[in-house]
Amino acid sequence: MSVRELVVLGTASQVPTRHRNHNGYVLLWDGQGIMFDPGEGTQRQMLRAGVAAHDLHRICVTHFHGDHSLGLAGVIQRINLDRVPHPVTAHYPASGQHFFDRLRYATAYRETVRLTEAPVAADGELAATASYTLDAIRLSHPVESFGYRLVEPDGRRMLPRLLAEHGIKGPDVRRIQQEGSLGGVTLDQVSEVRRGQRFAFVMDTRLCDGVHALAEGCDMLVIESTFLDEDEQLAVDHGHLTAGQAARAAVDAGVRHLVLTHFSQRYPDPTAYEQQARAAGFEGELTVARDLARIPVPKRT
């Protein structure tokens, strides 16, 4: 069975704390690993979480503030040190190319892996594979920032009752799936659309159209909630979200599992994040992220 889960490597905003590493997240999806926002210390957190360099196929950076990108140098060098046997693609804001270059070549090392640079300059599709498409959408932050959205293609769910009514069984089930019709019976007559899973990663941003577009219909939304609601003006001033704002965006988008993260060091107790998210009306599955947690993507409905 394919594994689809989020591995949380760090949850701190701006500076690490005794209990929170800088940001770092890996989405494991059908044998591929997509790393998001490797902050300082990510390489060590990977060891602690049991994530190997060989697990990584893409690296997605939302923006070039240090808590989201200072770990790039170590991760890229580890990928080369371990001689990862497949190409790795890096996505990041095109306006930060000079930052990426500095981090990629921060020190001397031997390049053994093909690392493809695929900078993001505008909203749109970045990649399409058999199991997902990856899109980027611009967010609102003091420096250019993009969120990422992964969408699985829709599939088909075979309906046993309708198959039986049309006398289709055994090997004929596979035949009608492959050929689209069998003996005058179409695939639509014995199946229904199975909606593909959707995942979004939303980091440093104010509330904006991009937040809502990324969150729409997601099975799992990983979203920053740097501040608590009583500090909403700070959030606006610095280009961030509060727990309540993030939760209301999730409610409006019909999110199934909300993962709050990127917490300010001013709040030592994360309990209030959950309380404020619930008070904002979110009734789905809710996780206040903690370092080294593994969070399964919700099963298809």
C-alpha atoms as a PDB file:
ATOM      1  CA  MET A   1       0.000   0.000   0.000  1.00  0.00           C
ATOM      2  CA  SER A   2       1.340   3.438  -0.885  1.00  0.00           C
ATOM      3  CA  VAL A   3       2.322   5.745   1.964  1.00  0.00           C
ATOM      4  CA  ARG A   4       0.962   9.262   2.069  1.00  0.00           C
ATOM      5  CA  GLU A   5       1.996  11.166   5.162  1.00  0.00           C
ATOM      6  CA  LEU A   6       3.519  14.407   6.330  1.00  0.00           C
ATOM      7  CA  VAL A   7       6.718  14.255   8.365  1.00  0.00           C
ATOM      8  CA  VAL A   8       7.177  17.392  10.469  1.00  0.00           C
ATOM      9  CA  LEU A   9      10.833  18.256  11.022  1.00  0.00           C
ATOM     10  CA  GLY A  10      10.406  21.668  12.638  1.00  0.00           C
ATOM     11  CA  THR A  11       7.644  24.069  13.632  1.00  0.00           C
ATOM     12  CA  ALA A  12       9.333  27.278  14.857  1.00  0.00           C
ATOM     13  CA  SER A  13       9.015  30.673  13.219  1.00  0.00           C
ATOM     14  CA  GLN A  14      11.956  33.087  12.978  1.00  0.00           C
ATOM     15  CA  VAL A  15      14.122  31.439  15.659  1.00  0.00           C
ATOM     16  CA  PRO A  16      14.316  27.880  16.993  1.00  0.00           C
ATOM     17  CA  THR A  17      13.458  27.196  20.630  1.00  0.00           C
ATOM     18  CA  ARG A  18      14.352  24.469  23.092  1.00  0.00           C
ATOM     19  CA  HIS A  19      11.471  22.382  21.790  1.00  0.00           C
ATOM     20  CA  ARG A  20      10.983  23.585  18.204  1.00  0.00           C
ATOM     21  CA  ASN A  21      13.442  23.385  15.346  1.00  0.00           C
ATOM     22  CA  HIS A  22      13.331  25.779  12.432  1.00  0.00           C
ATOM     23  CA  ASN A  23      10.786  24.850   9.749  1.00  0.00           C
ATOM     24  CA  GLY A  24      11.094  21.657   7.743  1.00  0.00           C
ATOM     25  CA  TYR A  25       8.484  19.308   6.292  1.00  0.00           C
ATOM     26  CA  VAL A  26       8.560  16.232   4.060  1.00  0.00           C
ATOM     27  CA  LEU A  27       5.473  14.956   2.271  1.00  0.00           C
ATOM     28  CA  LEU A  28       5.810  11.269   1.440  1.00  0.00           C
ATOM     29  CA  TRP A  29       3.526  10.475  -1.482  1.00  0.00           C
ATOM     30  CA  ASP A  30       3.512   7.142  -3.335  1.00  0.00           C
ATOM     31  CA  GLY A  31       7.232   6.560  -3.090  1.00  0.00           C
ATOM     32  CA  GLN A  32       8.244  10.174  -3.689  1.00  0.00           C
ATOM     33  CA  GLY A  33       9.383  12.682  -1.095  1.00  0.00           C
ATOM     34  CA  ILE A  34       8.713  16.414  -1.392  1.00  0.00           C
ATOM     35  CA  MET A  35      10.577  18.583   1.090  1.00  0.00           C
ATOM     36  CA  PHE A  36       9.156  21.980   1.992  1.00  0.00           C
ATOM     37  CA  ASP A  37      11.052  24.910   3.521  1.00  0.00           C
ATOM     38  CA  PRO A  38      14.222  23.371   4.980  1.00  0.00           C
ATOM     39  CA  GLY A  39      15.261  25.718   7.765  1.00  0.00           C
ATOM     40  CA  GLU A  40      18.445  25.567   9.794  1.00  0.00           C
ATOM     41  CA  GLY A  41      18.996  22.148  11.387  1.00  0.00           C
ATOM     42  CA  THR A  42      16.857  20.247   8.869  1.00  0.00           C
ATOM     43  CA  GLN A  43      19.558  17.675   8.084  1.00  0.00           C
ATOM     44  CA  ARG A  44      19.786  16.632  11.739  1.00  0.00           C
ATOM     45  CA  GLN A  45      16.002  16.547  12.088  1.00  0.00           C
ATOM     46  CA  MET A  46      15.843  14.222   9.083  1.00  0.00           C
ATOM     47  CA  LEU A  47      18.074  11.761  10.959  1.00  0.00           C
ATOM     48  CA  ARG A  48      15.892  11.981  14.054  1.00  0.00           C
ATOM     49  CA  ALA A  49      12.701  11.485  12.017  1.00  0.00           C
ATOM     50  CA  GLY A  50      14.039   8.593   9.938  1.00  0.00           C
ATOM     51  CA  VAL A  51      13.929  10.485   6.633  1.00  0.00           C
ATOM     52  CA  ALA A  52      16.857   9.746   4.321  1.00  0.00           C
ATOM     53  CA  ALA A  53      18.266  11.887   1.532  1.00  0.00           C
ATOM     54  CA  HIS A  54      17.277   9.036  -0.798  1.00  0.00           C
ATOM     55  CA  ASP A  55      13.630   9.762   0.075  1.00  0.00           C
ATOM     56  CA  LEU A  56      13.766  13.238  -1.499  1.00  0.00           C
ATOM     57  CA  HIS A  57      12.683  13.939  -5.081  1.00  0.00           C
ATOM     58  CA  ARG A  58      11.702  17.618  -4.836  1.00  0.00           C
ATOM     59  CA  ILE A  59      12.530  20.567  -2.637  1.00  0.00           C
ATOM     60  CA  CYS A  60       9.974  23.400  -2.515  1.00  0.00           C
ATOM     61  CA  VAL A  61      10.939  26.697  -0.898  1.00  0.00           C
ATOM     62  CA  THR A  62       8.149  29.195  -0.296  1.00  0.00           C
ATOM     63  CA  HIS A  63      10.441  32.204   0.228  1.00  0.00           C
ATOM     64  CA  PHE A  64      13.952  33.169   1.229  1.00  0.00           C
ATOM     65  CA  HIS A  65      13.701  34.067   4.873  1.00  0.00           C
ATOM     66  CA  GLY A  66      16.246  32.144   6.932  1.00  0.00           C
ATOM     67  CA  ASP A  67      13.824  30.022   8.945  1.00  0.00           C
ATOM     68  CA  HIS A  68      12.560  28.581   5.656  1.00  0.00           C
ATOM     69  CA  SER A  69      15.775  28.175   3.690  1.00  0.00           C
ATOM     70  CA  LEU A  70      18.993  28.164   5.720  1.00  0.00           C
ATOM     71  CA  GLY A  71      18.945  24.358   5.766  1.00  0.00           C
ATOM     72  CA  LEU A  72      19.188  24.150   1.978  1.00  0.00           C
ATOM     73  CA  ALA A  73      22.978  24.068   1.987  1.00  0.00           C
ATOM     74  CA  GLY A  74      23.145  21.044   4.275  1.00  0.00           C
ATOM     75  CA  VAL A  75      20.324  19.164   2.569  1.00  0.00           C
ATOM     76  CA  ILE A  76      21.752  19.667  -0.918  1.00  0.00           C
ATOM     77  CA  GLN A  77      25.205  18.598   0.201  1.00  0.00           C
ATOM     78  CA  ARG A  78      23.764  15.526   1.949  1.00  0.00           C
ATOM     79  CA  ILE A  79      21.910  14.557  -1.227  1.00  0.00           C
ATOM     80  CA  ASN A  80      25.252  14.614  -3.039  1.00  0.00           C
ATOM     81  CA  LEU A  81      27.222  12.948  -0.242  1.00  0.00           C
ATOM     82  CA  ASP A  82      24.756  10.038  -0.199  1.00  0.00           C
ATOM     83  CA  ARG A  83      24.780   9.824  -4.006  1.00  0.00           C
ATOM     84  CA  VAL A  84      21.001   9.833  -4.307  1.00  0.00           C
ATOM     85  CA  PRO A  85      20.326   7.669  -7.394  1.00  0.00           C
ATOM     86  CA  HIS A  86      17.585   9.821  -8.925  1.00  0.00           C
ATOM     87  CA  PRO A  87      17.387  13.459 -10.034  1.00  0.00           C
ATOM     88  CA  VAL A  88      16.118  16.036  -7.547  1.00  0.00           C
ATOM     89  CA  THR A  89      14.201  19.167  -8.558  1.00  0.00           C
ATOM     90  CA  ALA A  90      14.229  22.408  -6.589  1.00  0.00           C
ATOM     91  CA  HIS A  91      11.389  24.956  -6.794  1.00  0.00           C
ATOM     92  CA  TYR A  92      11.745  28.436  -5.264  1.00  0.00           C
ATOM     93  CA  PRO A  93      10.808  32.054  -6.074  1.00  0.00           C
ATOM     94  CA  ALA A  94      12.712  33.156  -9.160  1.00  0.00           C
ATOM     95  CA  SER A  95      13.346  36.542  -7.563  1.00  0.00           C
ATOM     96  CA  GLY A  96      15.509  34.777  -4.975  1.00  0.00           C
ATOM     97  CA  GLN A  97      17.821  33.074  -7.464  1.00  0.00           C
ATOM     98  CA  HIS A  98      20.870  34.779  -5.934  1.00  0.00           C
ATOM     99  CA  PHE A  99      19.946  33.420  -2.506  1.00  0.00           C
ATOM    100  CA  PHE A 100      19.511  29.914  -3.900  1.00  0.00           C
ATOM    101  CA  ASP A 101      22.877  30.118  -5.655  1.00  0.00           C
ATOM    102  CA  ARG A 102      24.607  31.180  -2.449  1.00  0.00           C
ATOM    103  CA  LEU A 103      23.017  28.389  -0.442  1.00  0.00           C
ATOM    104  CA  ARG A 104      23.642  25.730  -3.068  1.00  0.00           C
ATOM    105  CA  TYR A 105      27.320  26.609  -3.236  1.00  0.00           C
ATOM    106  CA  ALA A 106      27.838  27.831   0.332  1.00  0.00           C
ATOM    107  CA  THR A 107      30.897  25.568   0.737  1.00  0.00           C
ATOM    108  CA  ALA A 108      32.996  23.197  -1.345  1.00  0.00           C
ATOM    109  CA  TYR A 109      31.639  19.700  -2.044  1.00  0.00           C
ATOM    110  CA  ARG A 110      31.549  17.149  -4.831  1.00  0.00           C
ATOM    111  CA  GLU A 111      28.393  17.205  -6.954  1.00  0.00           C
ATOM    112  CA  THR A 112      27.246  13.663  -7.708  1.00  0.00           C
ATOM    113  CA  VAL A 113      23.510  14.173  -8.220  1.00  0.00           C
ATOM    114  CA  ARG A 114      21.630  16.030 -10.943  1.00  0.00           C
ATOM    115  CA  LEU A 115      19.821  18.842  -9.141  1.00  0.00           C
ATOM    116  CA  THR A 116      17.430  20.606 -11.500  1.00  0.00           C
ATOM    117  CA  GLU A 117      16.640  24.220 -10.699  1.00  0.00           C
ATOM    118  CA  ALA A 118      13.017  25.082 -11.529  1.00  0.00           C
ATOM    119  CA  PRO A 119      12.363  28.586 -10.173  1.00  0.00           C
ATOM    120  CA  VAL A 120       8.801  29.889  -9.835  1.00  0.00           C
ATOM    121  CA  ALA A 121       8.010  33.219 -11.473  1.00  0.00           C
ATOM    122  CA  ALA A 122       4.200  33.130 -11.626  1.00  0.00           C
ATOM    123  CA  ASP A 123       1.156  31.138 -10.562  1.00  0.00           C
ATOM    124  CA  GLY A 124       0.711  27.851 -12.386  1.00  0.00           C
ATOM    125  CA  GLU A 125       1.624  24.213 -12.796  1.00  0.00           C
ATOM    126  CA  LEU A 126       5.178  23.221 -11.924  1.00  0.00           C
ATOM    127  CA  ALA A 127       5.101  19.479 -12.551  1.00  0.00           C
ATOM    128  CA  ALA A 128       2.801  16.648 -13.564  1.00  0.00           C
ATOM    129  CA  THR A 129       3.423  13.010 -12.649  1.00  0.00           C
ATOM    130  CA  ALA A 130       1.272   9.899 -12.709  1.00  0.00           C
ATOM    131  CA  SER A 131       0.213  10.441  -9.084  1.00  0.00           C
ATOM    132  CA  TYR A 132       0.022  14.234  -8.750  1.00  0.00           C
ATOM    133  CA  THR A 133       0.294  17.668 -10.283  1.00  0.00           C
ATOM    134  CA  LEU A 134       2.164  20.360  -8.373  1.00  0.00           C
ATOM    135  CA  ASP A 135       1.089  24.004  -8.600  1.00  0.00           C
ATOM    136  CA  ALA A 136       2.370  27.226  -7.072  1.00  0.00           C
ATOM    137  CA  ILE A 137       0.292  30.289  -6.143  1.00  0.00           C
ATOM    138  CA  ARG A 138       1.601  33.651  -4.972  1.00  0.00           C
ATOM    139  CA  LEU A 139       1.052  34.707  -1.362  1.00  0.00           C
ATOM    140  CA  SER A 140       1.315  38.067   0.485  1.00  0.00           C
ATOM    141  CA  HIS A 141       4.517  38.569   2.486  1.00  0.00           C
ATOM    142  CA  PRO A 142       7.185  41.294   2.689  1.00  0.00           C
ATOM    143  CA  VAL A 143       9.356  39.199   0.348  1.00  0.00           C
ATOM    144  CA  GLU A 144       8.042  37.230  -2.627  1.00  0.00           C
ATOM    145  CA  SER A 145       6.440  34.026  -1.401  1.00  0.00           C
ATOM    146  CA  PHE A 146       4.589  31.150  -3.063  1.00  0.00           C
ATOM    147  CA  GLY A 147       2.417  28.395  -1.627  1.00  0.00           C
ATOM    148  CA  TYR A 148       2.327  24.905  -3.117  1.00  0.00           C
ATOM    149  CA  ARG A 149      -0.596  22.630  -3.927  1.00  0.00           C
ATOM    150  CA  LEU A 150      -0.485  18.946  -4.848  1.00  0.00           C
ATOM    151  CA  VAL A 151      -3.506  17.360  -6.538  1.00  0.00           C
ATOM    152  CA  GLU A 152      -3.959  13.701  -7.364  1.00  0.00           C
ATOM    153  CA  PRO A 153      -5.763  13.024 -10.674  1.00  0.00           C
ATOM    154  CA  ASP A 154      -9.349  11.866 -10.283  1.00  0.00           C
ATOM    155  CA  GLY A 155      -9.888   8.131 -10.631  1.00  0.00           C
ATOM    156  CA  ARG A 156     -12.821   5.760 -10.858  1.00  0.00           C
ATOM    157  CA  ARG A 157     -14.545   3.774  -8.115  1.00  0.00           C
ATOM    158  CA  MET A 158     -16.166   0.559  -9.325  1.00  0.00           C
ATOM    159  CA  LEU A 159     -19.662  -0.058  -7.882  1.00  0.00           C
ATOM    160  CA  PRO A 160     -20.277  -3.763  -7.103  1.00  0.00           C
ATOM    161  CA  ARG A 161     -24.071  -3.473  -7.232  1.00  0.00           C
ATOM    162  CA  LEU A 162     -24.046  -1.988 -10.729  1.00  0.00           C
ATOM    163  CA  LEU A 163     -21.398  -4.435 -11.914  1.00  0.00           C
ATOM    164  CA  ALA A 164     -23.618  -7.302 -10.739  1.00  0.00           C
ATOM    165  CA  GLU A 165     -26.690  -5.812 -12.417  1.00  0.00           C
ATOM    166  CA  HIS A 166     -24.845  -5.819 -15.741  1.00  0.00           C
ATOM    167  CA  GLY A 167     -23.322  -9.265 -15.220  1.00  0.00           C
ATOM    168  CA  ILE A 168     -19.740  -7.999 -15.155  1.00  0.00           C
ATOM    169  CA  LYS A 169     -17.383  -9.931 -12.889  1.00  0.00           C
ATOM    170  CA  GLY A 170     -13.928 -11.465 -12.669  1.00  0.00           C
ATOM    171  CA  PRO A 171     -11.464 -10.444 -15.410  1.00  0.00           C
ATOM    172  CA  ASP A 172     -14.191  -8.430 -17.163  1.00  0.00           C
ATOM    173  CA  VAL A 173     -13.988  -5.797 -14.418  1.00  0.00           C
ATOM    174  CA  ARG A 174     -10.426  -4.989 -15.407  1.00  0.00           C
ATOM    175  CA  ARG A 175     -11.329  -5.098 -19.087  1.00  0.00           C
ATOM    176  CA  ILE A 176     -14.044  -2.469 -18.756  1.00  0.00           C
ATOM    177  CA  GLN A 177     -11.692  -0.313 -16.684  1.00  0.00           C
ATOM    178  CA  GLN A 178      -9.046  -0.475 -19.385  1.00  0.00           C
ATOM    179  CA  GLU A 179     -11.265  -0.298 -22.469  1.00  0.00           C
ATOM    180  CA  GLY A 180     -14.044   2.008 -21.238  1.00  0.00           C
ATOM    181  CA  SER A 181     -16.905  -0.249 -22.351  1.00  0.00           C
ATOM    182  CA  LEU A 182     -17.775  -3.926 -22.575  1.00  0.00           C
ATOM    183  CA  GLY A 183     -20.678  -5.582 -24.380  1.00  0.00           C
ATOM    184  CA  GLY A 184     -22.519  -2.283 -24.725  1.00  0.00           C
ATOM    185  CA  VAL A 185     -22.019  -1.335 -21.072  1.00  0.00           C
ATOM    186  CA  THR A 186     -19.939   1.819 -20.494  1.00  0.00           C
ATOM    187  CA  LEU A 187     -17.590   2.450 -17.611  1.00  0.00           C
ATOM    188  CA  ASP A 188     -19.813   5.339 -16.450  1.00  0.00           C
ATOM    189  CA  GLN A 189     -22.692   2.902 -15.979  1.00  0.00           C
ATOM    190  CA  VAL A 190     -20.835   0.785 -13.425  1.00  0.00           C
ATOM    191  CA  SER A 191     -18.570   3.279 -11.654  1.00  0.00           C
ATOM    192  CA  GLU A 192     -18.319   6.792 -10.313  1.00  0.00           C
ATOM    193  CA  VAL A 193     -15.629   9.426 -10.152  1.00  0.00           C
ATOM    194  CA  ARG A 194     -13.246   9.024  -7.209  1.00  0.00           C
ATOM    195  CA  ARG A 195     -11.961  12.479  -6.400  1.00  0.00           C
ATOM    196  CA  GLY A 196      -8.201  12.720  -6.144  1.00  0.00           C
ATOM    197  CA  GLN A 197      -6.611  13.734  -2.867  1.00  0.00           C
ATOM    198  CA  ARG A 198      -5.424  17.298  -2.396  1.00  0.00           C
ATOM    199  CA  PHE A 199      -2.660  18.724  -0.222  1.00  0.00           C
ATOM    200  CA  ALA A 200      -1.582  22.344   0.231  1.00  0.00           C
ATOM    201  CA  PHE A 201       1.359  24.004   1.944  1.00  0.00           C
ATOM    202  CA  VAL A 202       0.834  27.629   2.951  1.00  0.00           C
ATOM    203  CA  MET A 203       3.590  29.453   4.781  1.00  0.00           C
ATOM    204  CA  ASP A 204       4.345  33.083   5.563  1.00  0.00           C
ATOM    205  CA  THR A 205       1.472  35.203   4.296  1.00  0.00           C
ATOM    206  CA  ARG A 206      -1.312  37.561   5.185  1.00  0.00           C
ATOM    207  CA  LEU A 207      -4.855  36.551   4.286  1.00  0.00           C
ATOM    208  CA  CYS A 208      -5.099  36.869   0.501  1.00  0.00           C
ATOM    209  CA  ASP A 209      -6.693  35.251  -2.531  1.00  0.00           C
ATOM    210  CA  GLY A 210      -3.756  32.853  -2.756  1.00  0.00           C
ATOM    211  CA  VAL A 211      -4.493  31.375   0.666  1.00  0.00           C
ATOM    212  CA  HIS A 212      -8.067  30.569  -0.319  1.00  0.00           C
ATOM    213  CA  ALA A 213      -7.110  29.186  -3.732  1.00  0.00           C
ATOM    214  CA  LEU A 214      -4.501  26.864  -2.252  1.00  0.00           C
ATOM    215  CA  ALA A 215      -6.786  25.626   0.534  1.00  0.00           C
ATOM    216  CA  GLU A 216      -9.870  24.978  -1.612  1.00  0.00           C
ATOM    217  CA  GLY A 217     -11.143  21.429  -1.136  1.00  0.00           C
ATOM    218  CA  CYS A 218      -7.952  20.132   0.477  1.00  0.00           C
ATOM    219  CA  ASP A 219      -7.797  16.838   2.315  1.00  0.00           C
ATOM    220  CA  MET A 220      -4.816  18.225   4.242  1.00  0.00           C
ATOM    221  CA  LEU A 221      -3.861  21.876   4.634  1.00  0.00           C
ATOM    222  CA  VAL A 222      -0.546  22.698   6.304  1.00  0.00           C
ATOM    223  CA  ILE A 223      -0.703  26.373   7.157  1.00  0.00           C
ATOM    224  CA  GLU A 224       1.215  28.893   9.228  1.00  0.00           C
ATOM    225  CA  SER A 225      -0.435  30.307  12.318  1.00  0.00           C
ATOM    226  CA  THR A 226       2.400  32.382  13.684  1.00  0.00           C
ATOM    227  CA  PHE A 227       0.291  34.486  16.041  1.00  0.00           C
ATOM    228  CA  LEU A 228      -2.697  34.056  18.311  1.00  0.00           C
ATOM    229  CA  ASP A 229      -5.782  36.118  17.566  1.00  0.00           C
ATOM    230  CA  GLU A 230      -5.099  38.760  20.191  1.00  0.00           C
ATOM    231  CA  ASP A 231      -1.990  39.715  18.186  1.00  0.00           C
ATOM    232  CA  GLU A 232      -3.756  40.026  14.838  1.00  0.00           C
ATOM    233  CA  GLN A 233      -2.294  43.460  14.156  1.00  0.00           C
ATOM    234  CA  LEU A 234       1.203  42.042  14.523  1.00  0.00           C
ATOM    235  CA  ALA A 235       0.258  39.355  12.023  1.00  0.00           C
ATOM    236  CA  VAL A 236      -0.938  41.942   9.509  1.00  0.00           C
ATOM    237  CA  ASP A 237       2.121  44.139  10.019  1.00  0.00           C
ATOM    238  CA  HIS A 238       4.591  41.302   9.522  1.00  0.00           C
ATOM    239  CA  GLY A 239       2.749  39.353   6.812  1.00  0.00           C
ATOM    240  CA  HIS A 240       1.485  36.406   8.837  1.00  0.00           C
ATOM    241  CA  LEU A 241      -1.693  34.629   9.947  1.00  0.00           C
ATOM    242  CA  THR A 242      -3.297  34.015  13.310  1.00  0.00           C
ATOM    243  CA  ALA A 243      -4.706  30.678  14.412  1.00  0.00           C
ATOM    244  CA  GLY A 244      -8.253  31.962  13.946  1.00  0.00           C
ATOM    245  CA  GLN A 245      -7.548  33.338  10.463  1.00  0.00           C
ATOM    246  CA  ALA A 246      -5.994  30.062   9.350  1.00  0.00           C
ATOM    247  CA  ALA A 247      -8.918  28.083  10.741  1.00  0.00           C
ATOM    248  CA  ARG A 248     -11.552  30.311   9.113  1.00  0.00           C
ATOM    249  CA  ALA A 249      -9.785  29.932   5.767  1.00  0.00           C
ATOM    250  CA  ALA A 250      -9.908  26.161   6.257  1.00  0.00           C
ATOM    251  CA  VAL A 251     -13.623  26.284   7.091  1.00  0.00           C
ATOM    252  CA  ASP A 252     -14.389  28.326   3.985  1.00  0.00           C
ATOM    253  CA  ALA A 253     -12.356  25.922   1.822  1.00  0.00           C
ATOM    254  CA  GLY A 254     -13.896  22.715   3.177  1.00  0.00           C
ATOM    255  CA  VAL A 255     -10.573  21.367   4.467  1.00  0.00           C
ATOM    256  CA  ARG A 256     -10.720  17.907   6.044  1.00  0.00           C
ATOM    257  CA  HIS A 257      -7.492  17.923   8.099  1.00  0.00           C
ATOM    258  CA  LEU A 258      -5.980  21.206   9.257  1.00  0.00           C
ATOM    259  CA  VAL A 259      -2.343  21.252  10.378  1.00  0.00           C
ATOM    260  CA  LEU A 260      -1.283  24.434  12.173  1.00  0.00           C
ATOM    261  CA  THR A 261       2.438  25.221  12.402  1.00  0.00           C
ATOM    262  CA  HIS A 262       5.133  27.967  12.307  1.00  0.00           C
ATOM    263  CA  PHE A 263       4.614  29.165  15.869  1.00  0.00           C
ATOM    264  CA  SER A 264       6.067  32.334  17.356  1.00  0.00           C
ATOM    265  CA  GLN A 265       8.460  31.819  20.273  1.00  0.00           C
ATOM    266  CA  ARG A 266       6.319  34.196  22.331  1.00  0.00           C
ATOM    267  CA  TYR A 267       3.797  31.389  22.936  1.00  0.00           C
ATOM    268  CA  PRO A 268       5.313  28.489  24.930  1.00  0.00           C
ATOM    269  CA  ASP A 269       1.999  26.609  25.251  1.00  0.00           C
ATOM    270  CA  PRO A 270       0.472  25.462  21.948  1.00  0.00           C
ATOM    271  CA  THR A 271      -2.907  24.637  23.535  1.00  0.00           C
ATOM    272  CA  ALA A 272      -4.320  28.042  22.686  1.00  0.00           C
ATOM    273  CA  TYR A 273      -3.835  27.446  18.956  1.00  0.00           C
ATOM    274  CA  GLU A 274      -6.252  24.539  19.012  1.00  0.00           C
ATOM    275  CA  GLN A 275      -8.726  26.437  21.175  1.00  0.00           C
ATOM    276  CA  GLN A 276      -8.755  29.428  18.833  1.00  0.00           C
ATOM    277  CA  ALA A 277      -9.034  27.251  15.723  1.00  0.00           C
ATOM    278  CA  ARG A 278     -12.068  25.505  17.186  1.00  0.00           C
ATOM    279  CA  ALA A 279     -13.562  28.809  18.294  1.00  0.00           C
ATOM    280  CA  ALA A 280     -13.238  29.984  14.684  1.00  0.00           C
ATOM    281  CA  GLY A 281     -15.555  27.179  13.628  1.00  0.00           C
ATOM    282  CA  PHE A 282     -13.241  24.473  12.297  1.00  0.00           C
ATOM    283  CA  GLU A 283     -14.830  21.089  13.062  1.00  0.00           C
ATOM    284  CA  GLY A 284     -12.646  18.740  11.036  1.00  0.00           C
ATOM    285  CA  GLU A 285      -9.519  16.878  12.047  1.00  0.00           C
ATOM    286  CA  LEU A 286      -7.069  19.312  13.624  1.00  0.00           C
ATOM    287  CA  THR A 287      -3.385  18.934  14.441  1.00  0.00           C
ATOM    288  CA  VAL A 288      -1.210  21.481  16.198  1.00  0.00           C
ATOM    289  CA  ALA A 289       2.074  20.311  14.717  1.00  0.00           C
ATOM    290  CA  ARG A 290       4.996  19.233  16.842  1.00  0.00           C
ATOM    291  CA  ASP A 291       8.528  18.414  15.775  1.00  0.00           C
ATOM    292  CA  LEU A 292       9.123  14.866  14.469  1.00  0.00           C
ATOM    293  CA  ALA A 293       5.402  14.082  14.191  1.00  0.00           C
ATOM    294  CA  ARG A 294       4.138  11.892  11.344  1.00  0.00           C
ATOM    295  CA  ILE A 295       0.663  12.857  10.168  1.00  0.00           C
ATOM    296  CA  PRO A 296      -1.183  10.599   7.690  1.00  0.00           C
ATOM    297  CA  VAL A 297      -3.001  12.234   4.812  1.00  0.00           C
ATOM    298  CA  PRO A 298      -6.733  11.460   5.285  1.00  0.00           C
ATOM    299  CA  LYS A 299      -7.977   8.468   3.359  1.00  0.00           C
ATOM    300  CA  ARG A 300     -10.100   9.085   0.286  1.00  0.00           C
ATOM    301  CA  THR A 301     -13.784   9.576   0.941  1.00  0.00           C
END
